[in-house]
PDB file of all heavy atoms in Angstrom:
ATOM      1  N   ARG A   1       6.643 -14.441  -6.375  1.00  0.00           N
ATOM      2  CA  ARG A   1       7.823 -14.703  -5.561  1.00  0.00           C
ATOM      3  C   ARG A   1       8.183 -13.457  -4.758  1.00  0.00           C
ATOM      4  O   ARG A   1       8.662 -13.593  -3.603  1.00  0.00           O
ATOM      5  CB  ARG A   1       8.991 -15.065  -6.487  1.00  0.00           C
ATOM      6  CG  ARG A   1      10.298 -15.269  -5.761  1.00  0.00           C
ATOM      7  CD  ARG A   1      11.418 -15.567  -6.720  1.00  0.00           C
ATOM      8  NE  ARG A   1      12.727 -15.569  -6.021  1.00  0.00           N
ATOM      9  CZ  ARG A   1      13.463 -14.502  -5.793  1.00  0.00           C
ATOM     10  NH1 ARG A   1      13.058 -13.328  -6.194  1.00  0.00           N
ATOM     11  NH2 ARG A   1      14.597 -14.575  -5.148  1.00  0.00           N
ATOM     12  N   LEU A   2       7.959 -12.276  -5.329  1.00  0.00           N
ATOM     13  CA  LEU A   2       8.237 -11.043  -4.596  1.00  0.00           C
ATOM     14  C   LEU A   2       7.064 -10.640  -3.715  1.00  0.00           C
ATOM     15  O   LEU A   2       7.210 -10.283  -2.571  1.00  0.00           O
ATOM     16  CB  LEU A   2       8.529  -9.924  -5.589  1.00  0.00           C
ATOM     17  CG  LEU A   2       9.888  -9.948  -6.278  1.00  0.00           C
ATOM     18  CD1 LEU A   2       9.925  -8.826  -7.321  1.00  0.00           C
ATOM     19  CD2 LEU A   2      11.004  -9.785  -5.282  1.00  0.00           C
ATOM     20  N   VAL A   3       5.863 -10.656  -4.330  1.00  0.00           N
ATOM     21  CA  VAL A   3       4.701 -10.060  -3.681  1.00  0.00           C
ATOM     22  C   VAL A   3       4.331 -10.760  -2.357  1.00  0.00           C
ATOM     23  O   VAL A   3       3.882 -10.111  -1.434  1.00  0.00           O
ATOM     24  CB  VAL A   3       3.499 -10.053  -4.655  1.00  0.00           C
ATOM     25  CG1 VAL A   3       2.228  -9.677  -3.963  1.00  0.00           C
ATOM     26  CG2 VAL A   3       3.786  -9.083  -5.787  1.00  0.00           C
ATOM     27  N   VAL A   4       4.463 -12.099  -2.297  1.00  0.00           N
ATOM     28  CA  VAL A   4       4.046 -12.808  -1.080  1.00  0.00           C
ATOM     29  C   VAL A   4       5.212 -13.036  -0.152  1.00  0.00           C
ATOM     30  O   VAL A   4       5.063 -13.681   0.861  1.00  0.00           O
ATOM     31  CB  VAL A   4       3.315 -14.123  -1.402  1.00  0.00           C
ATOM     32  CG1 VAL A   4       2.127 -13.905  -2.294  1.00  0.00           C
ATOM     33  CG2 VAL A   4       4.304 -15.123  -2.066  1.00  0.00           C
ATOM     34  N   GLY A   5       6.406 -12.528  -0.512  1.00  0.00           N
ATOM     35  CA  GLY A   5       7.543 -12.652   0.374  1.00  0.00           C
ATOM     36  C   GLY A   5       7.442 -11.758   1.589  1.00  0.00           C
ATOM     37  O   GLY A   5       6.906 -10.624   1.487  1.00  0.00           O
ATOM     38  N   GLN A   6       7.956 -12.196   2.734  1.00  0.00           N
ATOM     39  CA  GLN A   6       7.797 -11.402   3.963  1.00  0.00           C
ATOM     40  C   GLN A   6       8.530 -10.073   3.906  1.00  0.00           C
ATOM     41  O   GLN A   6       7.985  -9.046   4.341  1.00  0.00           O
ATOM     42  CB  GLN A   6       8.324 -12.224   5.133  1.00  0.00           C
ATOM     43  CG  GLN A   6       8.144 -11.519   6.477  1.00  0.00           C
ATOM     44  CD  GLN A   6       6.710 -11.333   6.864  1.00  0.00           C
ATOM     45  OE1 GLN A   6       5.932 -12.305   6.866  1.00  0.00           O
ATOM     46  NE2 GLN A   6       6.286 -10.134   7.176  1.00  0.00           N
ATOM     47  N   SER A   7       9.721 -10.041   3.336  1.00  0.00           N
ATOM     48  CA  SER A   7      10.476  -8.804   3.286  1.00  0.00           C
ATOM     49  C   SER A   7       9.830  -7.806   2.370  1.00  0.00           C
ATOM     50  O   SER A   7       9.853  -6.586   2.646  1.00  0.00           O
ATOM     51  CB  SER A   7      11.933  -9.067   2.816  1.00  0.00           C
ATOM     52  OG  SER A   7      11.962  -9.691   1.556  1.00  0.00           O
ATOM     53  N   TYR A   8       9.171  -8.282   1.300  1.00  0.00           N
ATOM     54  CA  TYR A   8       8.451  -7.379   0.453  1.00  0.00           C
ATOM     55  C   TYR A   8       7.261  -6.774   1.190  1.00  0.00           C
ATOM     56  O   TYR A   8       6.995  -5.544   1.143  1.00  0.00           O
ATOM     57  CB  TYR A   8       7.959  -8.105  -0.802  1.00  0.00           C
ATOM     58  CG  TYR A   8       7.069  -7.315  -1.716  1.00  0.00           C
ATOM     59  CD1 TYR A   8       7.637  -6.469  -2.685  1.00  0.00           C
ATOM     60  CD2 TYR A   8       5.707  -7.360  -1.621  1.00  0.00           C
ATOM     61  CE1 TYR A   8       6.872  -5.717  -3.547  1.00  0.00           C
ATOM     62  CE2 TYR A   8       4.915  -6.602  -2.480  1.00  0.00           C
ATOM     63  CZ  TYR A   8       5.508  -5.796  -3.435  1.00  0.00           C
ATOM     64  OH  TYR A   8       4.688  -5.040  -4.254  1.00  0.00           O
ATOM     65  N   ALA A   9       6.520  -7.616   1.904  1.00  0.00           N
ATOM     66  CA  ALA A   9       5.373  -7.105   2.676  1.00  0.00           C
ATOM     67  C   ALA A   9       5.804  -6.095   3.731  1.00  0.00           C
ATOM     68  O   ALA A   9       5.173  -5.061   3.936  1.00  0.00           O
ATOM     69  CB  ALA A   9       4.654  -8.300   3.336  1.00  0.00           C
ATOM     70  N   ASP A  10       6.934  -6.393   4.391  1.00  0.00           N
ATOM     71  CA  ASP A  10       7.437  -5.478   5.415  1.00  0.00           C
ATOM     72  C   ASP A  10       7.850  -4.140   4.798  1.00  0.00           C
ATOM     73  O   ASP A  10       7.621  -3.074   5.371  1.00  0.00           O
ATOM     74  CB  ASP A  10       8.654  -6.110   6.115  1.00  0.00           C
ATOM     75  CG  ASP A  10       8.247  -7.278   7.010  1.00  0.00           C
ATOM     76  OD1 ASP A  10       7.044  -7.428   7.243  1.00  0.00           O
ATOM     77  OD2 ASP A  10       9.136  -8.008   7.451  1.00  0.00           O
ATOM     78  N   ALA A  11       8.492  -4.215   3.605  1.00  0.00           N
ATOM     79  CA  ALA A  11       8.933  -2.987   2.939  1.00  0.00           C
ATOM     80  C   ALA A  11       7.752  -2.106   2.553  1.00  0.00           C
ATOM     81  O   ALA A  11       7.759  -0.907   2.730  1.00  0.00           O
ATOM     82  CB  ALA A  11       9.773  -3.326   1.721  1.00  0.00           C
ATOM     83  N   LEU A  12       6.700  -2.726   2.053  1.00  0.00           N
ATOM     84  CA  LEU A  12       5.531  -1.968   1.716  1.00  0.00           C
ATOM     85  C   LEU A  12       4.905  -1.344   2.948  1.00  0.00           C
ATOM     86  O   LEU A  12       4.467  -0.167   2.937  1.00  0.00           O
ATOM     87  CB  LEU A  12       4.493  -2.866   1.024  1.00  0.00           C
ATOM     88  CG  LEU A  12       4.758  -3.238  -0.437  1.00  0.00           C
ATOM     89  CD1 LEU A  12       3.651  -4.202  -0.921  1.00  0.00           C
ATOM     90  CD2 LEU A  12       4.817  -2.014  -1.329  1.00  0.00           C
ATOM     91  N   GLN A  13       4.770  -2.145   4.008  1.00  0.00           N
ATOM     92  CA  GLN A  13       4.173  -1.651   5.232  1.00  0.00           C
ATOM     93  C   GLN A  13       4.973  -0.519   5.834  1.00  0.00           C
ATOM     94  O   GLN A  13       4.469   0.474   6.354  1.00  0.00           O
ATOM     95  CB  GLN A  13       3.960  -2.762   6.218  1.00  0.00           C
ATOM     96  CG  GLN A  13       3.139  -2.376   7.428  1.00  0.00           C
ATOM     97  CD  GLN A  13       2.791  -3.564   8.299  1.00  0.00           C
ATOM     98  OE1 GLN A  13       3.451  -4.579   8.295  1.00  0.00           O
ATOM     99  NE2 GLN A  13       1.674  -3.451   9.044  1.00  0.00           N
ATOM    100  N   ALA A  14       6.296  -0.631   5.826  1.00  0.00           N
ATOM    101  CA  ALA A  14       7.166   0.368   6.415  1.00  0.00           C
ATOM    102  C   ALA A  14       7.010   1.713   5.673  1.00  0.00           C
ATOM    103  O   ALA A  14       7.149   2.768   6.269  1.00  0.00           O
ATOM    104  CB  ALA A  14       8.620  -0.071   6.326  1.00  0.00           C
ATOM    105  N   ARG A  15       6.687   1.651   4.402  1.00  0.00           N
ATOM    106  CA  ARG A  15       6.507   2.896   3.634  1.00  0.00           C
ATOM    107  C   ARG A  15       5.039   3.247   3.455  1.00  0.00           C
ATOM    108  O   ARG A  15       4.689   4.075   2.637  1.00  0.00           O
ATOM    109  CB  ARG A  15       7.189   2.763   2.248  1.00  0.00           C
ATOM    110  CG  ARG A  15       8.715   2.751   2.393  1.00  0.00           C
ATOM    111  CD  ARG A  15       9.398   2.181   1.180  1.00  0.00           C
ATOM    112  NE  ARG A  15      10.835   2.275   1.326  1.00  0.00           N
ATOM    113  CZ  ARG A  15      11.565   1.429   2.048  1.00  0.00           C
ATOM    114  NH1 ARG A  15      11.007   0.452   2.686  1.00  0.00           N
ATOM    115  NH2 ARG A  15      12.867   1.578   2.106  1.00  0.00           N
ATOM    116  N   GLU A  16       4.163   2.554   4.205  1.00  0.00           N
ATOM    117  CA  GLU A  16       2.708   2.840   4.181  1.00  0.00           C
ATOM    118  C   GLU A  16       2.145   2.641   2.794  1.00  0.00           C
ATOM    119  O   GLU A  16       1.178   3.317   2.405  1.00  0.00           O
ATOM    120  CB  GLU A  16       2.395   4.232   4.689  1.00  0.00           C
ATOM    121  CG  GLU A  16       2.865   4.502   6.136  1.00  0.00           C
ATOM    122  CD  GLU A  16       2.474   5.867   6.604  1.00  0.00           C
ATOM    123  OE1 GLU A  16       1.237   6.182   6.636  1.00  0.00           O
ATOM    124  OE2 GLU A  16       3.361   6.670   6.935  1.00  0.00           O
ATOM    125  N   LEU A  17       2.707   1.744   1.997  1.00  0.00           N
ATOM    126  CA  LEU A  17       2.225   1.454   0.632  1.00  0.00           C
ATOM    127  C   LEU A  17       1.146   0.365   0.743  1.00  0.00           C
ATOM    128  O   LEU A  17       1.343  -0.754   0.370  1.00  0.00           O
ATOM    129  CB  LEU A  17       3.353   1.033  -0.283  1.00  0.00           C
ATOM    130  CG  LEU A  17       4.357   2.127  -0.613  1.00  0.00           C
ATOM    131  CD1 LEU A  17       5.524   1.562  -1.467  1.00  0.00           C
ATOM    132  CD2 LEU A  17       3.672   3.285  -1.377  1.00  0.00           C
ATOM    133  N   GLU A  18       0.007   0.757   1.297  1.00  0.00           N
ATOM    134  CA  GLU A  18      -1.095  -0.157   1.457  1.00  0.00           C
ATOM    135  C   GLU A  18      -2.345   0.411   0.751  1.00  0.00           C
ATOM    136  O   GLU A  18      -2.457   1.637   0.596  1.00  0.00           O
ATOM    137  CB  GLU A  18      -1.387  -0.343   2.962  1.00  0.00           C
ATOM    138  CG  GLU A  18      -0.256  -0.988   3.747  1.00  0.00           C
ATOM    139  CD  GLU A  18       0.010  -2.396   3.314  1.00  0.00           C
ATOM    140  OE1 GLU A  18      -0.930  -3.053   2.798  1.00  0.00           O
ATOM    141  OE2 GLU A  18       1.123  -2.911   3.550  1.00  0.00           O
ATOM    142  N   PRO A  19      -3.241  -0.455   0.315  1.00  0.00           N
ATOM    143  CA  PRO A  19      -4.388   0.027  -0.435  1.00  0.00           C
ATOM    144  C   PRO A  19      -5.406   0.757   0.458  1.00  0.00           C
ATOM    145  O   PRO A  19      -5.616   0.386   1.608  1.00  0.00           O
ATOM    146  CB  PRO A  19      -4.985  -1.269  -0.973  1.00  0.00           C
ATOM    147  CG  PRO A  19      -4.583  -2.354   0.018  1.00  0.00           C
ATOM    148  CD  PRO A  19      -3.224  -1.917   0.453  1.00  0.00           C
ATOM    149  N   VAL A  20      -5.973   1.796  -0.119  1.00  0.00           N
ATOM    150  CA  VAL A  20      -7.104   2.484   0.521  1.00  0.00           C
ATOM    151  C   VAL A  20      -8.175   2.606  -0.531  1.00  0.00           C
ATOM    152  O   VAL A  20      -7.966   2.327  -1.737  1.00  0.00           O
ATOM    153  CB  VAL A  20      -6.691   3.859   1.034  1.00  0.00           C
ATOM    154  CG1 VAL A  20      -5.624   3.771   2.084  1.00  0.00           C
ATOM    155  CG2 VAL A  20      -6.191   4.750  -0.132  1.00  0.00           C
ATOM    156  N   SER A  21      -9.374   2.980  -0.133  1.00  0.00           N
ATOM    157  CA  SER A  21     -10.503   3.026  -1.079  1.00  0.00           C
ATOM    158  C   SER A  21     -10.267   4.137  -2.088  1.00  0.00           C
ATOM    159  O   SER A  21      -9.649   5.183  -1.807  1.00  0.00           O
ATOM    160  CB  SER A  21     -11.820   3.273  -0.318  1.00  0.00           C
ATOM    161  OG  SER A  21     -11.859   4.581   0.233  1.00  0.00           O
ATOM    162  N   VAL A  22     -10.788   3.950  -3.289  1.00  0.00           N
ATOM    163  CA  VAL A  22     -10.664   4.921  -4.349  1.00  0.00           C
ATOM    164  C   VAL A  22     -11.335   6.257  -3.971  1.00  0.00           C
ATOM    165  O   VAL A  22     -10.806   7.327  -4.250  1.00  0.00           O
ATOM    166  CB  VAL A  22     -11.248   4.363  -5.674  1.00  0.00           C
ATOM    167  CG1 VAL A  22     -11.321   5.448  -6.731  1.00  0.00           C
ATOM    168  CG2 VAL A  22     -10.431   3.193  -6.164  1.00  0.00           C
ATOM    169  N   THR A  23     -12.501   6.137  -3.343  1.00  0.00           N
ATOM    170  CA  THR A  23     -13.209   7.390  -2.941  1.00  0.00           C
ATOM    171  C   THR A  23     -12.388   8.211  -1.946  1.00  0.00           C
ATOM    172  O   THR A  23     -12.374   9.433  -1.978  1.00  0.00           O
ATOM    173  CB  THR A  23     -14.578   7.038  -2.348  1.00  0.00           C
ATOM    174  OG1 THR A  23     -14.397   6.089  -1.249  1.00  0.00           O
ATOM    175  CG2 THR A  23     -15.484   6.430  -3.404  1.00  0.00           C
ATOM    176  N   GLU A  24     -11.683   7.506  -1.056  1.00  0.00           N
ATOM    177  CA  GLU A  24     -10.860   8.203  -0.073  1.00  0.00           C
ATOM    178  C   GLU A  24      -9.698   8.942  -0.783  1.00  0.00           C
ATOM    179  O   GLU A  24      -9.360  10.070  -0.430  1.00  0.00           O
ATOM    180  CB  GLU A  24     -10.316   7.211   0.952  1.00  0.00           C
ATOM    181  CG  GLU A  24      -9.522   7.890   2.087  1.00  0.00           C
ATOM    182  CD  GLU A  24      -9.030   6.888   3.118  1.00  0.00           C
ATOM    183  OE1 GLU A  24      -9.320   5.697   2.988  1.00  0.00           O
ATOM    184  OE2 GLU A  24      -8.317   7.303   4.019  1.00  0.00           O
ATOM    185  N   VAL A  25      -9.090   8.247  -1.724  1.00  0.00           N
ATOM    186  CA  VAL A  25      -7.967   8.896  -2.468  1.00  0.00           C
ATOM    187  C   VAL A  25      -8.462  10.120  -3.239  1.00  0.00           C
ATOM    188  O   VAL A  25      -7.859  11.188  -3.160  1.00  0.00           O
ATOM    189  CB  VAL A  25      -7.323   7.883  -3.438  1.00  0.00           C
ATOM    190  CG1 VAL A  25      -6.284   8.571  -4.316  1.00  0.00           C
ATOM    191  CG2 VAL A  25      -6.653   6.761  -2.682  1.00  0.00           C
ATOM    192  N   MET A  26      -9.558   9.978  -3.955  1.00  0.00           N
ATOM    193  CA  MET A  26     -10.024  11.075  -4.783  1.00  0.00           C
ATOM    194  C   MET A  26     -10.527  12.271  -3.912  1.00  0.00           C
ATOM    195  O   MET A  26     -10.363  13.407  -4.351  1.00  0.00           O
ATOM    196  CB  MET A  26     -11.180  10.601  -5.705  1.00  0.00           C
ATOM    197  CG  MET A  26     -10.746   9.550  -6.759  1.00  0.00           C
ATOM    198  SD  MET A  26      -9.338  10.118  -7.784  1.00  0.00           S
ATOM    199  CE  MET A  26     -10.093  11.517  -8.588  1.00  0.00           C
ATOM    200  N   SER A  27     -11.070  11.979  -2.781  1.00  0.00           N
ATOM    201  CA  SER A  27     -11.562  13.074  -1.942  1.00  0.00           C
ATOM    202  C   SER A  27     -10.419  13.809  -1.254  1.00  0.00           C
ATOM    203  O   SER A  27     -10.509  15.011  -0.960  1.00  0.00           O
ATOM    204  CB  SER A  27     -12.535  12.549  -0.882  1.00  0.00           C
ATOM    205  OG  SER A  27     -11.875  11.617  -0.014  1.00  0.00           O
ATOM    206  N   ASN A  28      -9.311  13.139  -1.022  1.00  0.00           N
ATOM    207  CA  ASN A  28      -8.195  13.751  -0.299  1.00  0.00           C
ATOM    208  C   ASN A  28      -7.097  14.267  -1.248  1.00  0.00           C
ATOM    209  O   ASN A  28      -6.501  15.295  -1.034  1.00  0.00           O
ATOM    210  CB  ASN A  28      -7.605  12.750   0.678  1.00  0.00           C
ATOM    211  CG  ASN A  28      -8.427  12.571   1.898  1.00  0.00           C
ATOM    212  OD1 ASN A  28      -8.367  13.338   2.862  1.00  0.00           O
ATOM    213  ND2 ASN A  28      -9.270  11.522   1.907  1.00  0.00           N
ATOM    214  N   GLN A  29      -6.818  13.474  -2.330  1.00  0.00           N
ATOM    215  CA  GLN A  29      -5.738  13.850  -3.238  1.00  0.00           C
ATOM    216  C   GLN A  29      -6.093  13.675  -4.691  1.00  0.00           C
ATOM    217  O   GLN A  29      -5.282  13.265  -5.509  1.00  0.00           O
ATOM    218  CB  GLN A  29      -4.472  13.056  -2.900  1.00  0.00           C
ATOM    219  CG  GLN A  29      -3.869  13.413  -1.504  1.00  0.00           C
ATOM    220  CD  GLN A  29      -2.414  13.091  -1.414  1.00  0.00           C
ATOM    221  OE1 GLN A  29      -2.037  11.941  -1.178  1.00  0.00           O
ATOM    222  NE2 GLN A  29      -1.544  14.083  -1.575  1.00  0.00           N
ATOM    223  N   GLY A  30      -7.336  14.054  -5.005  1.00  0.00           N
ATOM    224  CA  GLY A  30      -7.817  13.941  -6.368  1.00  0.00           C
ATOM    225  C   GLY A  30      -7.002  14.770  -7.334  1.00  0.00           C
ATOM    226  O   GLY A  30      -6.780  14.392  -8.484  1.00  0.00           O
TER     227      GLY A  30
END
């Protein structure tokens, strides 16, 4: 109910809370 709601998606996107690859995370902020 929350995760697929439009306002939830917008809130995540506004705060750049989007998935990136694990290798990218570990190489930049391991």
